[in-house]
Amino acid sequence: MQTIYKNDFLKRSVETLGQIVDMLAKLPQLRFKDLQGKQTALLIVDMVNGFAREGALKSPKVEALIPEITKLSKMFGELEIYKIAFADCHTEASPEFDAYPAHCTVGTYEGEIVDEIKEIGGYKLIPKNSTNGFHEEEFQKWLKANQQINTFIITGDCTDICIQQFAITLKTWFNMQNMKVRVIVPINAVDTYDLGLHNGDLVNVMALYNMKINGIEIVKGIED
């Protein structure tokens, strides 16, 4: 009986995954000209050395995001669009280390934004001690001080953890207040890692789908 259920589950899941991949492939590109500069913010999540360059959680998938996010950061800077960079940064007492290997501790190279993005600058740096940057006091202060922002473009890693948690929390926070905002995730500017059962490609697709059904605007990318 268990084998029959497993086989049926896998068959149906493959069909569903195929439909989700086809749906994502048909999504549009977003154009810079369609954005209201003074009402838009670019959020760069966890593009730190500890996920891109070294350490227990480094990933070539994350490192491969650097050119696209660097391009976006430059273009958004020219348009004088607000930029925030979250940086995973923990003390050695972090309970998060019960779920993940120790990473990005305070004062280490791992906790710093990658050089390519750091050199462009122009962003507000917010260290974060959890997977969900929405809860950081500094972000809450920024959100309160910038109530004109109604479009949030989220980039970085990891799609199924920090990106998904932040995007859905942000969207539902505005929903609670009956406020319409655009929370946008470009597919070519987010990714996640491979590790054991954590199949990066699979969970990336499922996270994108989950965000979409929660009201997040998923686009292929952003072009000028």
Protein backbone atom coordinates (compact mmCIF):
# COMPACT_ATOMS: atom_id res chain seq x y z
CA MET A 1 0.00 0.00 0.00
CA GLN A 2 2.82 2.36 0.91
CA THR A 3 4.55 1.65 -2.42
CA ILE A 4 1.35 2.38 -4.36
CA TYR A 5 0.92 5.70 -2.52
CA LYS A 6 4.55 6.64 -3.10
CA ASN A 7 4.39 5.89 -6.80
CA ASP A 8 1.13 7.84 -7.21
CA PHE A 9 2.50 10.74 -5.19
CA LEU A 10 5.69 10.90 -7.28
CA LYS A 11 3.79 10.68 -10.57
CA ARG A 12 1.40 13.48 -9.64
CA SER A 13 4.23 15.58 -8.21
CA VAL A 14 6.29 15.34 -11.39
CA GLU A 15 3.29 16.50 -13.40
CA THR A 16 2.68 19.41 -11.03
CA LEU A 17 6.33 20.41 -11.01
CA GLY A 18 6.33 20.45 -14.79
CA GLN A 19 3.34 22.80 -14.78
CA ILE A 20 5.00 25.09 -12.22
CA VAL A 21 8.24 25.26 -14.22
CA ASP A 22 6.25 26.07 -17.38
CA MET A 23 4.37 28.79 -15.51
CA LEU A 24 7.59 30.37 -14.21
CA ALA A 25 9.11 30.28 -17.71
CA LYS A 26 6.21 32.36 -19.04
CA LEU A 27 6.51 35.15 -16.47
CA PRO A 28 7.34 38.64 -17.81
CA GLN A 29 10.41 40.80 -17.40
CA LEU A 30 10.05 43.95 -15.32
CA ARG A 31 11.29 47.19 -16.86
CA PHE A 32 13.01 49.97 -14.93
CA LYS A 33 10.90 52.58 -16.68
CA ASP A 34 7.79 51.09 -15.07
CA LEU A 35 9.10 51.76 -11.55
CA GLN A 36 8.45 54.90 -9.50
CA GLY A 37 11.94 55.72 -8.20
CA LYS A 38 10.93 57.61 -5.06
CA GLN A 39 8.45 54.91 -4.12
CA THR A 40 10.69 51.88 -4.77
CA ALA A 41 13.26 50.09 -2.64
CA LEU A 42 15.83 47.44 -3.58
CA LEU A 43 16.42 44.89 -0.83
CA ILE A 44 19.60 42.81 -1.03
CA VAL A 45 19.37 39.84 1.32
CA ASP A 46 22.43 38.05 2.71
CA MET A 47 24.88 38.58 -0.13
CA VAL A 48 27.66 37.96 2.36
CA ASN A 49 30.95 36.11 2.11
CA GLY A 50 29.66 33.36 4.41
CA PHE A 51 27.14 32.28 1.78
CA ALA A 52 29.07 33.20 -1.37
CA ARG A 53 32.77 32.79 -0.68
CA GLU A 54 33.72 30.73 2.37
CA GLY A 55 32.41 28.83 5.37
CA ALA A 56 30.11 25.89 6.07
CA LEU A 57 27.21 27.34 4.07
CA LYS A 58 29.01 28.80 1.06
CA SER A 59 27.34 28.04 -2.26
CA PRO A 60 28.40 28.54 -5.89
CA LYS A 61 24.73 29.24 -6.63
CA VAL A 62 24.84 32.25 -4.32
CA GLU A 63 28.18 33.44 -5.69
CA ALA A 64 26.71 33.27 -9.20
CA LEU A 65 24.12 35.89 -8.18
CA ILE A 66 26.74 38.59 -7.64
CA PRO A 67 26.91 39.95 -11.24
CA GLU A 68 23.13 40.35 -11.57
CA ILE A 69 22.67 41.96 -8.16
CA THR A 70 25.69 44.19 -8.77
CA LYS A 71 24.10 45.34 -12.04
CA LEU A 72 20.80 46.06 -10.31
CA SER A 73 22.51 47.93 -7.50
CA LYS A 74 24.33 50.18 -9.98
CA MET A 75 21.20 50.91 -11.99
CA PHE A 76 19.05 51.52 -8.94
CA GLY A 77 21.72 53.82 -7.54
CA GLU A 78 21.61 55.92 -10.71
CA LEU A 79 17.84 56.20 -10.31
CA GLU A 80 18.28 57.22 -6.65
CA ILE A 81 16.18 54.28 -5.49
CA TYR A 82 16.47 53.32 -1.83
CA LYS A 83 18.70 50.32 -1.17
CA ILE A 84 18.93 48.11 1.90
CA ALA A 85 21.44 45.29 2.37
CA PHE A 86 20.71 42.71 5.05
CA ALA A 87 23.74 40.85 6.37
CA ASP A 88 23.38 37.62 8.33
CA CYS A 89 25.38 38.22 11.51
CA HIS A 90 25.22 36.07 14.66
CA THR A 91 26.77 35.79 18.08
CA GLU A 92 28.17 32.39 19.01
CA ALA A 93 25.10 31.88 21.24
CA SER A 94 22.69 32.02 18.28
CA PRO A 95 19.93 29.35 18.56
CA GLU A 96 19.99 29.28 14.75
CA PHE A 97 23.11 27.13 15.00
CA ASP A 98 20.87 24.30 16.25
CA ALA A 99 19.37 24.17 12.75
CA TYR A 100 22.35 25.20 10.62
CA PRO A 101 26.14 24.92 10.95
CA ALA A 102 27.79 27.92 12.62
CA HIS A 103 28.09 30.75 10.09
CA CYS A 104 28.46 34.50 9.67
CA THR A 105 29.47 35.30 13.25
CA VAL A 106 29.93 38.91 14.35
CA GLY A 107 33.21 40.52 13.31
CA THR A 108 34.23 37.85 10.80
CA TYR A 109 34.81 37.97 7.04
CA GLU A 110 31.79 35.69 6.59
CA GLY A 111 29.45 38.34 7.97
CA GLU A 112 30.55 41.04 5.50
CA ILE A 113 28.76 41.96 2.25
CA VAL A 114 30.70 40.67 -0.79
CA ASP A 115 33.21 43.18 -2.15
CA GLU A 116 31.50 43.72 -5.51
CA ILE A 117 28.30 44.96 -3.87
CA LYS A 118 30.15 46.74 -1.06
CA GLU A 119 32.18 48.76 -3.59
CA ILE A 120 29.02 50.10 -5.25
CA GLY A 121 27.62 51.05 -1.85
CA GLY A 122 24.75 53.47 -1.47
CA TYR A 123 22.75 51.09 0.72
CA LYS A 124 21.63 51.04 4.34
CA LEU A 125 23.31 48.06 6.02
CA ILE A 126 21.14 46.09 8.45
CA PRO A 127 22.79 43.16 10.27
CA LYS A 128 20.27 40.43 11.09
CA ASN A 129 20.29 37.73 13.73
CA SER A 130 17.53 35.58 12.27
CA THR A 131 16.51 34.20 8.90
CA ASN A 132 13.74 36.83 8.66
CA GLY A 133 15.10 40.36 8.32
CA PHE A 134 11.61 41.85 8.70
CA HIS A 135 11.89 41.45 12.48
CA GLU A 136 15.04 43.56 12.81
CA GLU A 137 14.43 46.79 14.72
CA GLU A 138 16.46 48.80 12.22
CA PHE A 139 14.24 47.63 9.37
CA GLN A 140 11.11 48.45 11.33
CA LYS A 141 12.44 51.98 11.94
CA TRP A 142 13.27 52.38 8.24
CA LEU A 143 9.83 51.11 7.21
CA LYS A 144 8.12 53.58 9.53
CA ALA A 145 10.27 56.47 8.28
CA ASN A 146 9.66 55.66 4.59
CA GLN A 147 5.92 55.14 4.31
CA GLN A 148 5.96 56.43 0.74
CA ILE A 149 7.60 53.18 -0.42
CA ASN A 150 5.03 50.95 -2.11
CA THR A 151 7.29 48.75 -4.26
CA PHE A 152 9.84 46.38 -2.74
CA ILE A 153 12.23 44.42 -4.98
CA ILE A 154 13.84 41.54 -3.11
CA THR A 155 17.08 39.89 -4.25
CA GLY A 156 19.69 37.58 -2.74
CA ASP A 157 19.55 34.30 -0.85
CA CYS A 158 18.24 31.88 0.14
CA THR A 159 15.02 31.72 -1.88
CA ASP A 160 13.36 29.12 0.34
CA ILE A 161 14.48 30.56 3.66
CA CYS A 162 15.40 34.23 4.12
CA ILE A 163 13.86 35.51 0.87
CA GLN A 164 10.57 33.64 1.25
CA GLN A 165 10.16 34.45 4.94
CA PHE A 166 10.88 38.14 4.44
CA ALA A 167 8.76 38.56 1.31
CA ILE A 168 5.67 36.86 2.71
CA THR A 169 5.95 38.58 6.11
CA LEU A 170 6.31 41.97 4.41
CA LYS A 171 3.36 41.37 2.09
CA THR A 172 1.06 40.03 4.79
CA TRP A 173 2.01 42.90 7.12
CA PHE A 174 0.71 45.36 4.55
CA ASN A 175 -2.30 43.13 3.79
CA MET A 176 -3.25 43.27 7.47
CA GLN A 177 -3.58 47.04 7.12
CA ASN A 178 -5.45 46.86 3.80
CA MET A 179 -2.51 48.57 2.10
CA LYS A 180 -1.67 47.57 -1.45
CA VAL A 181 2.04 47.27 -2.18
CA ARG A 182 4.11 45.45 -4.78
CA VAL A 183 6.57 42.91 -3.38
CA ILE A 184 8.64 41.73 -6.35
CA VAL A 185 11.14 38.87 -6.61
CA PRO A 186 13.20 38.56 -9.83
CA ILE A 187 13.96 34.89 -10.54
CA ASN A 188 17.44 35.65 -11.90
CA ALA A 189 18.43 37.52 -8.73
CA VAL A 190 17.60 34.87 -6.11
CA ASP A 191 18.80 31.32 -5.46
CA THR A 192 19.51 28.77 -2.76
CA TYR A 193 22.05 26.06 -1.96
CA ASP A 194 22.55 22.33 -2.50
CA LEU A 195 23.23 20.21 0.59
CA GLY A 196 22.13 16.62 1.10
CA LEU A 197 18.34 16.38 0.75
CA HIS A 198 18.22 20.12 0.20
CA ASN A 199 17.95 20.00 -3.59
CA GLY A 200 18.60 23.63 -4.50
CA ASP A 201 16.81 23.60 -7.84
CA LEU A 202 13.73 21.88 -6.42
CA VAL A 203 13.28 24.04 -3.33
CA ASN A 204 14.04 27.18 -5.33
CA VAL A 205 11.15 26.45 -7.70
CA MET A 206 8.79 25.54 -4.87
CA ALA A 207 9.69 28.69 -2.92
CA LEU A 208 9.01 30.85 -5.97
CA TYR A 209 5.65 29.14 -6.43
CA ASN A 210 4.79 29.50 -2.75
CA MET A 211 5.57 33.21 -2.83
CA LYS A 212 3.50 33.67 -5.96
CA ILE A 213 0.39 32.11 -4.43
CA ASN A 214 0.90 34.38 -1.41
CA GLY A 215 0.67 37.54 -3.50
CA ILE A 216 4.34 38.10 -4.28
CA GLU A 217 5.01 39.30 -7.83
CA ILE A 218 7.51 36.91 -9.43
CA VAL A 219 9.26 38.15 -12.60
CA LYS A 220 11.99 36.71 -14.79
CA GLY A 221 14.26 39.66 -14.18
CA ILE A 222 14.59 43.45 -14.42
CA GLU A 223 15.80 45.13 -17.61
CA ASP A 224 16.53 48.73 -18.52
